[in-house]
């Protein structure tokens, strides 16, 4: 009986399949081998070869040398005395200061004390000192202002009586003099300063006098005067009084005395 013929294409397909399976197997083994080699990392260095060590015990230290025996004292020798303590050192003395000779200041002549200027203080005048003083009624004229007929004493006394500040200022600075009837001198060519007053002339009194004289007629201001003028601030005996004047003066001198300001009316 004759053998059946094998189909040539089927035989070729079986050989190709076997060849592919063999190549896949070889590749898989190669990949596994490469993964194993990579996981091991770098190769370790070889370990050093062991060597033998012998332990030797060191020799013991030499014994200490014995101290020589102390010499025995001789019977005729005296025992040694213990050393005496050193004497204490004296405390250092503080340095002494050399006294310097006193220097005598040069002889200076002492200056005499300057006495207080009593000529600038207001004075309280009695009747003996007011003898011959000009008062209201003893002067000339009636205050008309025609030169010879001016009565500036009457004009001034009337103005001071109308001003209540004048009497209160006089009573506060010269209370005893006002009560005893003495006259207080406040101007003798310059304004005088009363006790416990800051400026010259009584507060309010000097301004009232300057105001009245300054606005008087020019002929009255130029009227020549001699000696003291006394004005009374009230009628009757014992009334407070003010005095002003000099040996030879004019009423205009009151306007140009030291510390005087020109009068002004608002």
C-alpha atoms as a PDB file:
ATOM      1  CA  UNK A   1       0.000   0.000   0.000  1.00  0.00           C
ATOM      2  CA  UNK A   2       1.605   3.311  -0.860  1.00  0.00           C
ATOM      3  CA  UNK A   3       2.437   6.050   1.933  1.00  0.00           C
ATOM      4  CA  UNK A   4       0.422   9.202   1.948  1.00  0.00           C
ATOM      5  CA  UNK A   5       2.256  12.229   0.792  1.00  0.00           C
ATOM      6  CA  UNK A   6       2.986  14.921   3.547  1.00  0.00           C
ATOM      7  CA  UNK A   7       1.993  18.434   2.733  1.00  0.00           C
ATOM      8  CA  UNK A   8       5.217  20.516   2.355  1.00  0.00           C
ATOM      9  CA  UNK A   9       3.765  23.842   3.704  1.00  0.00           C
ATOM     10  CA  UNK A  10       2.647  22.253   6.980  1.00  0.00           C
ATOM     11  CA  UNK A  11       6.162  20.892   7.567  1.00  0.00           C
ATOM     12  CA  UNK A  12       7.716  24.301   7.092  1.00  0.00           C
ATOM     13  CA  UNK A  13       5.365  25.873   9.679  1.00  0.00           C
ATOM     14  CA  UNK A  14       6.315  23.326  12.354  1.00  0.00           C
ATOM     15  CA  UNK A  15      10.044  24.054  11.935  1.00  0.00           C
ATOM     16  CA  UNK A  16       9.553  27.812  12.250  1.00  0.00           C
ATOM     17  CA  UNK A  17       7.560  27.414  15.430  1.00  0.00           C
ATOM     18  CA  UNK A  18      10.255  25.305  17.059  1.00  0.00           C
ATOM     19  CA  UNK A  19      12.950  27.761  16.122  1.00  0.00           C
ATOM     20  CA  UNK A  20      11.018  30.707  17.666  1.00  0.00           C
ATOM     21  CA  UNK A  21      10.414  28.785  20.871  1.00  0.00           C
ATOM     22  CA  UNK A  22      14.100  28.032  21.167  1.00  0.00           C
ATOM     23  CA  UNK A  23      15.064  31.658  20.717  1.00  0.00           C
ATOM     24  CA  UNK A  24      12.526  32.793  23.327  1.00  0.00           C
ATOM     25  CA  UNK A  25      13.869  30.260  25.838  1.00  0.00           C
ATOM     26  CA  UNK A  26      17.473  31.407  25.285  1.00  0.00           C
ATOM     27  CA  UNK A  27      16.435  35.070  25.713  1.00  0.00           C
ATOM     28  CA  UNK A  28      14.552  34.331  28.943  1.00  0.00           C
ATOM     29  CA  UNK A  29      17.514  32.522  30.427  1.00  0.00           C
ATOM     30  CA  UNK A  30      19.822  35.363  29.462  1.00  0.00           C
ATOM     31  CA  UNK A  31      17.513  37.921  31.146  1.00  0.00           C
ATOM     32  CA  UNK A  32      17.334  35.898  34.358  1.00  0.00           C
ATOM     33  CA  UNK A  33      21.124  35.546  34.416  1.00  0.00           C
ATOM     34  CA  UNK A  34      21.590  39.315  33.896  1.00  0.00           C
ATOM     35  CA  UNK A  35      19.112  40.135  36.722  1.00  0.00           C
ATOM     36  CA  UNK A  36      20.975  37.841  39.100  1.00  0.00           C
ATOM     37  CA  UNK A  37      24.318  39.436  38.289  1.00  0.00           C
ATOM     38  CA  UNK A  38      22.952  42.962  38.739  1.00  0.00           C
ATOM     39  CA  UNK A  39      21.387  42.129  42.103  1.00  0.00           C
ATOM     40  CA  UNK A  40      24.752  41.034  43.493  1.00  0.00           C
ATOM     41  CA  UNK A  41      26.205  44.595  43.029  1.00  0.00           C
ATOM     42  CA  UNK A  42      29.850  45.369  43.043  1.00  0.00           C
ATOM     43  CA  UNK A  43      32.174  42.520  43.937  1.00  0.00           C
ATOM     44  CA  UNK A  44      33.392  42.544  47.549  1.00  0.00           C
ATOM     45  CA  UNK A  45      37.115  42.969  48.193  1.00  0.00           C
ATOM     46  CA  UNK A  46      38.854  39.834  49.362  1.00  0.00           C
ATOM     47  CA  UNK A  47      39.148  39.442  53.116  1.00  0.00           C
ATOM     48  CA  UNK A  48      42.676  39.821  54.574  1.00  0.00           C
ATOM     49  CA  UNK A  49      44.426  36.735  55.549  1.00  0.00           C
ATOM     50  CA  UNK A  50      44.421  36.041  59.334  1.00  0.00           C
ATOM     51  CA  UNK A  51      47.710  36.325  61.265  1.00  0.00           C
ATOM     52  CA  UNK A  52      48.773  34.952  64.639  1.00  0.00           C
ATOM     53  CA  UNK A  53      49.309  37.231  67.734  1.00  0.00           C
ATOM     54  CA  UNK A  54      51.187  36.136  70.844  1.00  0.00           C
ATOM     55  CA  UNK A  55      50.151  37.733  74.226  1.00  0.00           C
ATOM     56  CA  UNK A  56      53.186  38.393  76.449  1.00  0.00           C
ATOM     57  CA  UNK A  57      52.841  39.515  80.142  1.00  0.00           C
ATOM     58  CA  UNK A  58      55.205  42.465  81.030  1.00  0.00           C
ATOM     59  CA  UNK A  59      57.738  41.919  83.814  1.00  0.00           C
ATOM     60  CA  UNK A  60      56.820  43.240  87.320  1.00  0.00           C
ATOM     61  CA  UNK A  61      58.319  46.663  88.393  1.00  0.00           C
ATOM     62  CA  UNK A  62      61.471  46.626  90.515  1.00  0.00           C
ATOM     63  CA  UNK A  63      60.953  46.912  94.302  1.00  0.00           C
ATOM     64  CA  UNK A  64      61.590  50.396  95.871  1.00  0.00           C
ATOM     65  CA  UNK A  65      65.015  51.042  97.271  1.00  0.00           C
ATOM     66  CA  UNK A  66      65.162  50.950 101.104  1.00  0.00           C
ATOM     67  CA  UNK A  67      65.723  54.337 102.892  1.00  0.00           C
ATOM     68  CA  UNK A  68      69.010  54.677 104.752  1.00  0.00           C
ATOM     69  CA  UNK A  69      68.590  54.514 108.531  1.00  0.00           C
ATOM     70  CA  UNK A  70      68.737  57.822 110.437  1.00  0.00           C
ATOM     71  CA  UNK A  71      72.010  58.395 112.292  1.00  0.00           C
ATOM     72  CA  UNK A  72      71.770  57.830 116.004  1.00  0.00           C
ATOM     73  CA  UNK A  73      72.483  60.949 118.131  1.00  0.00           C
ATOM     74  CA  UNK A  74      75.721  61.008 120.004  1.00  0.00           C
ATOM     75  CA  UNK A  75      75.507  61.142 123.791  1.00  0.00           C
ATOM     76  CA  UNK A  76      77.493  64.420 124.039  1.00  0.00           C
ATOM     77  CA  UNK A  77      75.666  66.174 121.263  1.00  0.00           C
ATOM     78  CA  UNK A  78      72.810  68.577 122.063  1.00  0.00           C
ATOM     79  CA  UNK A  79      69.407  68.057 120.481  1.00  0.00           C
ATOM     80  CA  UNK A  80      68.742  70.335 117.585  1.00  0.00           C
ATOM     81  CA  UNK A  81      66.450  73.274 118.371  1.00  0.00           C
ATOM     82  CA  UNK A  82      63.400  73.741 116.276  1.00  0.00           C
ATOM     83  CA  UNK A  83      63.683  76.727 113.989  1.00  0.00           C
ATOM     84  CA  UNK A  84      62.286  79.881 115.545  1.00  0.00           C
ATOM     85  CA  UNK A  85      59.364  81.449 113.750  1.00  0.00           C
ATOM     86  CA  UNK A  86      60.160  84.432 111.589  1.00  0.00           C
ATOM     87  CA  UNK A  87      59.325  87.768 113.220  1.00  0.00           C
ATOM     88  CA  UNK A  88      56.127  89.370 111.850  1.00  0.00           C
ATOM     89  CA  UNK A  89      56.675  91.988 109.216  1.00  0.00           C
ATOM     90  CA  UNK A  90      55.683  95.468 110.302  1.00  0.00           C
ATOM     91  CA  UNK A  91      52.705  97.006 108.598  1.00  0.00           C
ATOM     92  CA  UNK A  92      53.712  99.449 105.931  1.00  0.00           C
ATOM     93  CA  UNK A  93      53.246 102.991 107.152  1.00  0.00           C
ATOM     94  CA  UNK A  94      51.033 105.257 105.126  1.00  0.00           C
ATOM     95  CA  UNK A  95      52.911 107.900 103.226  1.00  0.00           C
ATOM     96  CA  UNK A  96      53.219 111.079 105.180  1.00  0.00           C
ATOM     97  CA  UNK A  97      52.088 114.297 103.568  1.00  0.00           C
ATOM     98  CA  UNK A  98      54.459 117.149 103.622  1.00  0.00           C
ATOM     99  CA  UNK A  99      52.757 120.221 104.969  1.00  0.00           C
ATOM    100  CA  UNK A 100      53.102 123.140 102.644  1.00  0.00           C
ATOM    101  CA  UNK A 101      53.861 126.484 104.153  1.00  0.00           C
ATOM    102  CA  UNK A 102      50.853 128.754 104.239  1.00  0.00           C
ATOM    103  CA  UNK A 103      50.983 131.439 101.615  1.00  0.00           C
ATOM    104  CA  UNK A 104      50.082 134.791 103.047  1.00  0.00           C
ATOM    105  CA  UNK A 105      47.901 136.820 100.749  1.00  0.00           C
ATOM    106  CA  UNK A 106      49.113 140.257  99.894  1.00  0.00           C
ATOM    107  CA  UNK A 107      47.910 143.036 102.086  1.00  0.00           C
ATOM    108  CA  UNK A 108      44.726 144.463 100.627  1.00  0.00           C
ATOM    109  CA  UNK A 109      43.162 147.534 102.034  1.00  0.00           C
ATOM    110  CA  UNK A 110      39.538 146.809 102.924  1.00  0.00           C
ATOM    111  CA  UNK A 111      36.998 148.863 101.062  1.00  0.00           C
ATOM    112  CA  UNK A 112      34.645 150.808 103.255  1.00  0.00           C
ATOM    113  CA  UNK A 113      31.033 149.728 103.067  1.00  0.00           C
ATOM    114  CA  UNK A 114      28.960 151.998 100.901  1.00  0.00           C
ATOM    115  CA  UNK A 115      26.268 153.551 103.042  1.00  0.00           C
ATOM    116  CA  UNK A 116      22.719 153.442 101.832  1.00  0.00           C
ATOM    117  CA  UNK A 117      21.659 156.427  99.782  1.00  0.00           C
ATOM    118  CA  UNK A 118      19.341 158.067 102.264  1.00  0.00           C
ATOM    119  CA  UNK A 119      18.850 161.041  99.963  1.00  0.00           C
ATOM    120  CA  UNK A 120      16.609 158.869  97.766  1.00  0.00           C
ATOM    121  CA  UNK A 121      14.230 157.925 100.596  1.00  0.00           C
ATOM    122  CA  UNK A 122      11.052 159.825 101.353  1.00  0.00           C
ATOM    123  CA  UNK A 123      11.254 161.885 104.541  1.00  0.00           C
ATOM    124  CA  UNK A 124       8.598 162.653 107.137  1.00  0.00           C
ATOM    125  CA  UNK A 125       8.741 166.339 108.053  1.00  0.00           C
ATOM    126  CA  UNK A 126       7.524 167.968 111.254  1.00  0.00           C
ATOM    127  CA  UNK A 127       6.260 171.491 111.849  1.00  0.00           C
ATOM    128  CA  UNK A 128       9.739 172.890 112.467  1.00  0.00           C
ATOM    129  CA  UNK A 129      10.921 171.651 109.067  1.00  0.00           C
ATOM    130  CA  UNK A 130       7.812 172.983 107.350  1.00  0.00           C
ATOM    131  CA  UNK A 131       8.223 176.542 108.600  1.00  0.00           C
ATOM    132  CA  UNK A 132       7.921 178.949 105.689  1.00  0.00           C
ATOM    133  CA  UNK A 133       6.446 176.335 103.299  1.00  0.00           C
ATOM    134  CA  UNK A 134       3.916 177.510 100.698  1.00  0.00           C
ATOM    135  CA  UNK A 135       0.345 176.312 101.232  1.00  0.00           C
ATOM    136  CA  UNK A 136      -3.021 177.059  99.703  1.00  0.00           C
ATOM    137  CA  UNK A 137      -3.855 180.704 100.351  1.00  0.00           C
ATOM    138  CA  UNK A 138      -0.272 181.805 100.926  1.00  0.00           C
ATOM    139  CA  UNK A 139       0.648 181.787  97.219  1.00  0.00           C
ATOM    140  CA  UNK A 140      -0.266 184.332  94.553  1.00  0.00           C
ATOM    141  CA  UNK A 141      -2.941 184.192  91.847  1.00  0.00           C
ATOM    142  CA  UNK A 142      -6.154 182.238  91.364  1.00  0.00           C
ATOM    143  CA  UNK A 143      -5.099 179.673  88.818  1.00  0.00           C
ATOM    144  CA  UNK A 144      -6.228 181.557  85.710  1.00  0.00           C
ATOM    145  CA  UNK A 145      -2.989 180.707  83.896  1.00  0.00           C
ATOM    146  CA  UNK A 146      -1.884 184.175  82.916  1.00  0.00           C
ATOM    147  CA  UNK A 147       1.647 183.753  84.329  1.00  0.00           C
ATOM    148  CA  UNK A 148       1.614 185.933  87.442  1.00  0.00           C
ATOM    149  CA  UNK A 149      -1.864 184.873  88.536  1.00  0.00           C
ATOM    150  CA  UNK A 150      -1.312 181.047  88.561  1.00  0.00           C
ATOM    151  CA  UNK A 151      -2.131 179.267  91.806  1.00  0.00           C
ATOM    152  CA  UNK A 152      -0.628 175.843  91.075  1.00  0.00           C
ATOM    153  CA  UNK A 153      -0.730 174.871  94.760  1.00  0.00           C
ATOM    154  CA  UNK A 154      -4.533 175.159  94.822  1.00  0.00           C
ATOM    155  CA  UNK A 155      -4.870 173.339  91.480  1.00  0.00           C
ATOM    156  CA  UNK A 156      -2.645 170.492  92.683  1.00  0.00           C
ATOM    157  CA  UNK A 157      -4.347 170.153  96.077  1.00  0.00           C
ATOM    158  CA  UNK A 158      -7.790 169.994  94.488  1.00  0.00           C
ATOM    159  CA  UNK A 159      -6.652 167.325  92.018  1.00  0.00           C
ATOM    160  CA  UNK A 160      -5.093 165.135  94.721  1.00  0.00           C
ATOM    161  CA  UNK A 161      -8.184 165.338  96.925  1.00  0.00           C
ATOM    162  CA  UNK A 162     -10.339 164.100  94.060  1.00  0.00           C
ATOM    163  CA  UNK A 163      -8.147 161.023  93.546  1.00  0.00           C
ATOM    164  CA  UNK A 164      -8.864 158.300  96.192  1.00  0.00           C
ATOM    165  CA  UNK A 165      -5.694 156.377  95.270  1.00  0.00           C
ATOM    166  CA  UNK A 166      -3.541 159.174  96.669  1.00  0.00           C
ATOM    167  CA  UNK A 167      -4.817 158.956 100.248  1.00  0.00           C
ATOM    168  CA  UNK A 168      -4.757 155.120 100.300  1.00  0.00           C
ATOM    169  CA  UNK A 169      -1.183 155.071  98.976  1.00  0.00           C
ATOM    170  CA  UNK A 170      -0.048 157.544 101.611  1.00  0.00           C
ATOM    171  CA  UNK A 171      -1.776 155.613 104.405  1.00  0.00           C
ATOM    172  CA  UNK A 172      -0.232 152.269 103.340  1.00  0.00           C
ATOM    173  CA  UNK A 173       3.349 153.556 103.083  1.00  0.00           C
ATOM    174  CA  UNK A 174       3.350 156.277 105.782  1.00  0.00           C
ATOM    175  CA  UNK A 175       0.507 155.346 108.087  1.00  0.00           C
ATOM    176  CA  UNK A 176       2.097 156.762 111.256  1.00  0.00           C
ATOM    177  CA  UNK A 177       3.045 160.031 109.583  1.00  0.00           C
ATOM    178  CA  UNK A 178      -0.442 160.446 108.142  1.00  0.00           C
ATOM    179  CA  UNK A 179      -2.002 159.788 111.537  1.00  0.00           C
ATOM    180  CA  UNK A 180       0.317 162.182 113.386  1.00  0.00           C
ATOM    181  CA  UNK A 181      -0.112 165.054 110.933  1.00  0.00           C
ATOM    182  CA  UNK A 182       3.427 164.952 109.538  1.00  0.00           C
ATOM    183  CA  UNK A 183       3.999 165.819 105.884  1.00  0.00           C
ATOM    184  CA  UNK A 184       5.722 163.252 103.634  1.00  0.00           C
ATOM    185  CA  UNK A 185       8.350 164.716 101.318  1.00  0.00           C
ATOM    186  CA  UNK A 186       8.132 162.851  97.961  1.00  0.00           C
ATOM    187  CA  UNK A 187      10.090 165.192  95.625  1.00  0.00           C
ATOM    188  CA  UNK A 188      13.145 167.397  96.226  1.00  0.00           C
ATOM    189  CA  UNK A 189      14.486 167.795  92.705  1.00  0.00           C
ATOM    190  CA  UNK A 190      14.083 164.029  92.133  1.00  0.00           C
ATOM    191  CA  UNK A 191      11.368 161.587  93.065  1.00  0.00           C
ATOM    192  CA  UNK A 192      11.997 159.843  96.387  1.00  0.00           C
ATOM    193  CA  UNK A 193      11.255 156.234  97.217  1.00  0.00           C
ATOM    194  CA  UNK A 194       9.007 155.281 100.096  1.00  0.00           C
ATOM    195  CA  UNK A 195       9.451 152.140 102.234  1.00  0.00           C
ATOM    196  CA  UNK A 196       8.120 148.907 100.710  1.00  0.00           C
ATOM    197  CA  UNK A 197       7.712 150.618  97.335  1.00  0.00           C
ATOM    198  CA  UNK A 198       9.275 149.315  94.116  1.00  0.00           C
ATOM    199  CA  UNK A 199       9.394 152.585  92.184  1.00  0.00           C
ATOM    200  CA  UNK A 200      10.106 156.126  93.228  1.00  0.00           C
ATOM    201  CA  UNK A 201       7.256 158.246  94.446  1.00  0.00           C
ATOM    202  CA  UNK A 202       4.157 156.764  95.969  1.00  0.00           C
ATOM    203  CA  UNK A 203       2.129 154.479  93.733  1.00  0.00           C
ATOM    204  CA  UNK A 204      -0.520 156.615  92.073  1.00  0.00           C
ATOM    205  CA  UNK A 205       0.650 159.856  93.680  1.00  0.00           C
ATOM    206  CA  UNK A 206       3.431 160.673  91.233  1.00  0.00           C
ATOM    207  CA  UNK A 207       1.180 159.926  88.254  1.00  0.00           C
ATOM    208  CA  UNK A 208      -1.564 162.188  89.617  1.00  0.00           C
ATOM    209  CA  UNK A 209       0.865 165.095  90.180  1.00  0.00           C
ATOM    210  CA  UNK A 210       2.484 164.724  86.750  1.00  0.00           C
ATOM    211  CA  UNK A 211      -0.926 164.540  85.090  1.00  0.00           C
ATOM    212  CA  UNK A 212      -2.105 167.768  86.721  1.00  0.00           C
ATOM    213  CA  UNK A 213       1.120 169.712  86.116  1.00  0.00           C
ATOM    214  CA  UNK A 214       1.580 168.412  82.602  1.00  0.00           C
ATOM    215  CA  UNK A 215      -1.822 169.678  81.412  1.00  0.00           C
ATOM    216  CA  UNK A 216      -1.609 172.990  83.223  1.00  0.00           C
ATOM    217  CA  UNK A 217      -1.041 176.161  81.136  1.00  0.00           C
ATOM    218  CA  UNK A 218       2.556 176.630  79.999  1.00  0.00           C
ATOM    219  CA  UNK A 219       2.833 179.938  81.892  1.00  0.00           C
ATOM    220  CA  UNK A 220       1.826 178.159  85.128  1.00  0.00           C
ATOM    221  CA  UNK A 221       4.337 175.392  84.589  1.00  0.00           C
ATOM    222  CA  UNK A 222       7.081 177.994  84.169  1.00  0.00           C
ATOM    223  CA  UNK A 223       6.155 179.855  87.364  1.00  0.00           C
ATOM    224  CA  UNK A 224       9.334 180.008  89.536  1.00  0.00           C
ATOM    225  CA  UNK A 225       9.121 178.595  93.050  1.00  0.00           C
ATOM    226  CA  UNK A 226      11.343 178.582  96.146  1.00  0.00           C
ATOM    227  CA  UNK A 227      11.349 176.182  99.080  1.00  0.00           C
ATOM    228  CA  UNK A 228       8.716 173.608  99.945  1.00  0.00           C
ATOM    229  CA  UNK A 229       5.076 173.380  98.924  1.00  0.00           C
ATOM    230  CA  UNK A 230       2.670 171.508 101.219  1.00  0.00           C
ATOM    231  CA  UNK A 231      -0.753 170.245 100.103  1.00  0.00           C
ATOM    232  CA  UNK A 232      -3.349 168.798 102.467  1.00  0.00           C
ATOM    233  CA  UNK A 233      -5.512 165.854 101.460  1.00  0.00           C
ATOM    234  CA  UNK A 234      -8.378 166.862 103.778  1.00  0.00           C
ATOM    235  CA  UNK A 235      -9.634 169.815 105.820  1.00  0.00           C
ATOM    236  CA  UNK A 236      -9.019 170.185 109.525  1.00  0.00           C
ATOM    237  CA  UNK A 237      -6.001 169.725 111.776  1.00  0.00           C
ATOM    238  CA  UNK A 238      -4.088 166.438 111.613  1.00  0.00           C
ATOM    239  CA  UNK A 239      -5.033 165.733 107.953  1.00  0.00           C
ATOM    240  CA  UNK A 240      -2.458 163.783 105.903  1.00  0.00           C
ATOM    241  CA  UNK A 241      -0.175 166.032 103.899  1.00  0.00           C
ATOM    242  CA  UNK A 242       2.362 165.813 101.057  1.00  0.00           C
ATOM    243  CA  UNK A 243       5.406 168.031 100.584  1.00  0.00           C
ATOM    244  CA  UNK A 244       7.516 168.725  97.513  1.00  0.00           C
ATOM    245  CA  UNK A 245      10.011 171.377  96.467  1.00  0.00           C
ATOM    246  CA  UNK A 246      13.639 172.464  96.330  1.00  0.00           C
ATOM    247  CA  UNK A 247      15.682 175.566  96.962  1.00  0.00           C
ATOM    248  CA  UNK A 248      14.838 177.010  93.534  1.00  0.00           C
ATOM    249  CA  UNK A 249      12.627 175.181  91.041  1.00  0.00           C
ATOM    250  CA  UNK A 250       9.731 175.366  88.576  1.00  0.00           C
ATOM    251  CA  UNK A 251       6.627 173.248  88.253  1.00  0.00           C
ATOM    252  CA  UNK A 252       7.881 171.956  84.912  1.00  0.00           C
ATOM    253  CA  UNK A 253      10.834 170.374  86.753  1.00  0.00           C
ATOM    254  CA  UNK A 254       8.422 167.722  88.023  1.00  0.00           C
ATOM    255  CA  UNK A 255       7.917 166.544  84.436  1.00  0.00           C
ATOM    256  CA  UNK A 256      11.628 166.050  83.695  1.00  0.00           C
ATOM    257  CA  UNK A 257      12.780 164.564  86.986  1.00  0.00           C
ATOM    258  CA  UNK A 258      14.518 161.119  86.834  1.00  0.00           C
ATOM    259  CA  UNK A 259      12.007 158.317  86.349  1.00  0.00           C
ATOM    260  CA  UNK A 260       9.276 160.583  85.026  1.00  0.00           C
ATOM    261  CA  UNK A 261       7.210 159.751  81.943  1.00  0.00           C
ATOM    262  CA  UNK A 262       5.384 162.373  79.895  1.00  0.00           C
ATOM    263  CA  UNK A 263       1.678 162.556  80.815  1.00  0.00           C
ATOM    264  CA  UNK A 264      -0.971 161.308  78.369  1.00  0.00           C
ATOM    265  CA  UNK A 265      -4.719 161.308  78.554  1.00  0.00           C
ATOM    266  CA  UNK A 266      -6.724 158.638  76.781  1.00  0.00           C
END
